Amino acid sequence: MSSWVRTRHLLLVLAAFGSLLVSACGTDSTTKGDDAAASGGGAAASTWTELRLTDVAGETFAISDLAGRPVFVENFATWCSNCLRQLGDTQKAAAAAGDSAVFLALSVETDLDAATVADYAEKNGFADIRFAVMTPDFLAAMSDAFGTTALNPPSTPKVLVDASGAPGEMVTGFESPSEIGAKVAATT
């Protein structure tokens, strides 16, 4: 393949990816589908909620371990300005909820170390949110359950797992602290 063809191919791929990011930024939507995997249900749900993660404090857990309280899961990236804005509102909701719910922020940057994510959380005042870095297997399971939307941090993907451990639909777009709080309270 000539260098011109390779360059053209690369530019097309980058343009497609860029349009995906731009179209997703700041929009509100819910991932829906006819199959169980698109809505976070079915076999894919049991996979991602049961995979082990290690939080920035070094504690290993699975989302399924947290049953008994609602779990608000927000995927993010440290470079993402939309994520920073949404995590600020999530922090307010988490502080208001206290111990009645668990708030998780999961980095899609699988190559980050825990110390980098812990510094990010501390620097931004996210004291009431539990942070972890997704493993490659967890990232793949989230993609299987919710599609690529789950892996697009600028779209601010979030999913609420109810107190019985059943995940809801993936939601994107900015949500206020009161909107998050109302959703969490409705599943308690």
Protein backbone atom coordinates (compact mmCIF):
# COMPACT_ATOMS: atom_id res chain seq x y z
CA MET A 1 0.00 0.00 0.00
CA SER A 2 1.43 3.37 -0.94
CA SER A 3 2.12 5.98 1.70
CA TRP A 4 -0.58 8.22 0.18
CA VAL A 5 -3.20 5.46 0.54
CA ARG A 6 -2.12 4.76 4.14
CA THR A 7 -2.20 8.49 4.96
CA ARG A 8 -5.64 8.87 3.38
CA HIS A 9 -6.92 5.83 5.29
CA LEU A 10 -5.56 7.20 8.57
CA LEU A 11 -7.15 10.60 7.95
CA LEU A 12 -10.52 8.98 7.24
CA VAL A 13 -10.32 6.95 10.45
CA LEU A 14 -9.36 10.04 12.47
CA ALA A 15 -12.15 12.08 10.88
CA ALA A 16 -14.70 9.39 11.71
CA PHE A 17 -13.49 9.14 15.31
CA GLY A 18 -13.47 12.93 15.66
CA SER A 19 -17.05 13.22 14.42
CA LEU A 20 -18.10 10.54 16.92
CA LEU A 21 -16.54 12.51 19.77
CA VAL A 22 -18.02 15.82 18.64
CA SER A 23 -21.48 14.35 18.14
CA ALA A 24 -21.41 12.79 21.61
CA CYS A 25 -20.14 15.77 23.56
CA GLY A 26 -22.75 17.30 25.81
CA THR A 27 -25.73 15.42 24.38
CA ASP A 28 -28.30 13.64 26.46
CA SER A 29 -29.25 10.13 25.50
CA THR A 30 -29.89 6.68 26.79
CA THR A 31 -28.39 3.55 25.26
CA LYS A 32 -31.30 1.35 24.31
CA GLY A 33 -31.58 -1.74 22.25
CA ASP A 34 -33.70 -4.78 21.54
CA ASP A 35 -31.21 -7.21 23.04
CA ALA A 36 -30.35 -7.56 26.70
CA ALA A 37 -26.71 -6.59 26.19
CA ALA A 38 -27.55 -3.14 24.80
CA SER A 39 -29.42 -2.21 27.97
CA GLY A 40 -26.85 -3.67 30.34
CA GLY A 41 -28.90 -6.78 31.06
CA GLY A 42 -28.39 -10.45 30.35
CA ALA A 43 -25.10 -12.33 30.37
CA ALA A 44 -23.07 -9.22 29.59
CA ALA A 45 -24.41 -7.55 32.74
CA SER A 46 -23.29 -10.39 34.96
CA THR A 47 -19.87 -10.21 33.32
CA TRP A 48 -19.12 -6.54 33.93
CA THR A 49 -20.68 -6.33 37.38
CA GLU A 50 -18.79 -9.41 38.56
CA LEU A 51 -15.33 -8.58 37.25
CA ARG A 52 -12.82 -7.54 39.92
CA LEU A 53 -11.42 -4.00 40.05
CA THR A 54 -8.90 -2.41 42.38
CA ASP A 55 -9.70 1.08 43.61
CA VAL A 56 -7.11 3.81 44.12
CA ALA A 57 -6.82 2.86 47.81
CA GLY A 58 -5.77 -0.68 46.80
CA GLU A 59 -9.04 -2.42 47.75
CA THR A 60 -10.24 -5.09 45.32
CA PHE A 61 -13.99 -5.34 44.67
CA ALA A 62 -16.66 -6.17 42.11
CA ILE A 63 -19.73 -4.04 41.58
CA SER A 64 -21.80 -7.09 42.48
CA ASP A 65 -20.13 -7.00 45.95
CA LEU A 66 -21.83 -3.65 46.56
CA ALA A 67 -25.42 -4.98 46.36
CA GLY A 68 -27.65 -3.61 49.11
CA ARG A 69 -27.16 0.01 48.05
CA PRO A 70 -27.56 1.69 44.66
CA VAL A 71 -24.27 2.07 42.78
CA PHE A 72 -23.86 5.04 40.44
CA VAL A 73 -21.13 4.18 37.91
CA GLU A 74 -19.57 6.94 35.82
CA ASN A 75 -16.93 6.24 33.18
CA PHE A 76 -14.37 9.00 32.68
CA ALA A 77 -10.91 9.96 31.45
CA THR A 78 -8.50 12.31 33.19
CA TRP A 79 -8.02 14.35 29.98
CA CYS A 80 -11.77 14.87 29.43
CA SER A 81 -13.18 18.33 30.30
CA ASN A 82 -16.79 17.08 30.08
CA CYS A 83 -15.89 14.35 32.57
CA LEU A 84 -14.41 16.88 34.98
CA ARG A 85 -17.59 18.98 34.81
CA GLN A 86 -19.89 15.96 35.26
CA LEU A 87 -17.77 14.51 38.08
CA GLY A 88 -18.14 17.85 39.89
CA ASP A 89 -21.92 17.42 39.84
CA THR A 90 -21.60 13.75 40.73
CA GLN A 91 -19.46 14.73 43.73
CA LYS A 92 -22.24 17.04 44.95
CA ALA A 93 -24.80 14.25 44.57
CA ALA A 94 -22.50 11.77 46.34
CA ALA A 95 -21.94 14.16 49.25
CA ALA A 96 -25.70 14.67 49.59
CA ALA A 97 -26.42 10.92 49.42
CA GLY A 98 -23.90 10.02 52.11
CA ASP A 99 -23.80 6.28 52.84
CA SER A 100 -27.15 5.55 51.16
CA ALA A 101 -25.43 4.89 47.79
CA VAL A 102 -22.02 4.15 46.30
CA PHE A 103 -20.59 6.45 43.64
CA LEU A 104 -17.90 4.95 41.39
CA ALA A 105 -15.79 6.74 38.80
CA LEU A 106 -14.07 4.27 36.48
CA SER A 107 -11.25 5.44 34.23
CA VAL A 108 -11.33 4.07 30.69
CA GLU A 109 -7.57 4.77 30.53
CA THR A 110 -6.50 1.21 31.32
CA ASP A 111 -2.81 2.14 31.30
CA LEU A 112 -3.06 4.66 34.16
CA ASP A 113 -1.71 3.76 37.56
CA ALA A 114 -3.80 4.16 40.70
CA ALA A 115 -1.63 7.01 42.04
CA THR A 116 -2.33 9.17 38.97
CA VAL A 117 -6.09 8.67 39.34
CA ALA A 118 -5.91 9.25 43.11
CA ASP A 119 -4.07 12.54 42.50
CA TYR A 120 -6.73 13.56 39.95
CA ALA A 121 -9.53 12.83 42.45
CA GLU A 122 -7.80 14.66 45.28
CA LYS A 123 -6.82 17.68 43.16
CA ASN A 124 -10.43 18.11 42.05
CA GLY A 125 -12.04 17.58 45.45
CA PHE A 126 -13.84 14.33 44.61
CA ALA A 127 -13.76 13.00 48.18
CA ASP A 128 -17.11 11.17 48.09
CA ILE A 129 -16.53 9.19 44.89
CA ARG A 130 -14.66 5.88 44.81
CA PHE A 131 -12.17 5.84 41.90
CA ALA A 132 -10.70 2.89 40.02
CA VAL A 133 -9.04 2.20 36.68
CA MET A 134 -10.79 -0.29 34.42
CA THR A 135 -8.85 -3.39 33.47
CA PRO A 136 -8.80 -4.25 29.75
CA ASP A 137 -11.23 -7.12 30.50
CA PHE A 138 -13.60 -4.79 32.35
CA LEU A 139 -13.42 -2.27 29.51
CA ALA A 140 -14.29 -5.01 27.00
CA ALA A 141 -17.17 -6.22 29.17
CA MET A 142 -18.59 -2.68 29.41
CA SER A 143 -18.37 -2.42 25.63
CA ASP A 144 -20.14 -5.78 25.28
CA ALA A 145 -22.91 -4.63 27.64
CA PHE A 146 -23.41 -1.06 26.39
CA GLY A 147 -21.57 -0.65 23.09
CA THR A 148 -18.87 1.89 22.35
CA THR A 149 -20.84 4.65 24.10
CA ALA A 150 -19.49 3.29 27.38
CA LEU A 151 -15.95 3.92 26.12
CA ASN A 152 -16.52 7.51 24.98
CA PRO A 153 -15.72 9.68 28.02
CA PRO A 154 -16.76 13.05 26.49
CA SER A 155 -20.34 11.71 26.28
CA THR A 156 -20.26 11.31 30.12
CA PRO A 157 -21.53 7.70 30.19
CA LYS A 158 -23.24 6.68 33.41
CA VAL A 159 -25.21 3.67 34.61
CA LEU A 160 -27.12 3.16 37.84
CA VAL A 161 -27.08 -0.30 39.38
CA ASP A 162 -30.02 -0.71 41.75
CA ALA A 163 -29.71 -2.02 45.31
CA SER A 164 -30.51 -5.57 44.16
CA GLY A 165 -27.55 -5.44 41.75
CA ALA A 166 -29.54 -5.02 38.52
CA PRO A 167 -27.94 -2.51 36.13
CA GLY A 168 -30.08 0.06 34.36
CA GLU A 169 -29.50 1.60 30.96
CA MET A 170 -26.39 3.58 30.03
CA VAL A 171 -27.19 7.30 30.07
CA THR A 172 -25.05 10.01 28.49
CA GLY A 173 -25.02 13.78 28.76
CA PHE A 174 -24.74 16.16 31.65
CA GLU A 175 -26.89 15.54 34.72
CA SER A 176 -27.27 17.92 37.64
CA PRO A 177 -26.68 16.86 41.24
CA SER A 178 -30.44 16.93 41.84
CA GLU A 179 -31.14 14.75 38.78
CA ILE A 180 -28.53 12.22 39.91
CA GLY A 181 -29.83 12.32 43.48
CA ALA A 182 -33.42 11.73 42.37
CA LYS A 183 -32.42 8.72 40.25
CA VAL A 184 -30.40 7.23 43.08
CA ALA A 185 -33.18 7.85 45.63
CA ALA A 186 -35.73 6.18 43.32
CA THR A 187 -33.73 2.93 43.42
CA THR A 188 -33.14 2.84 47.18
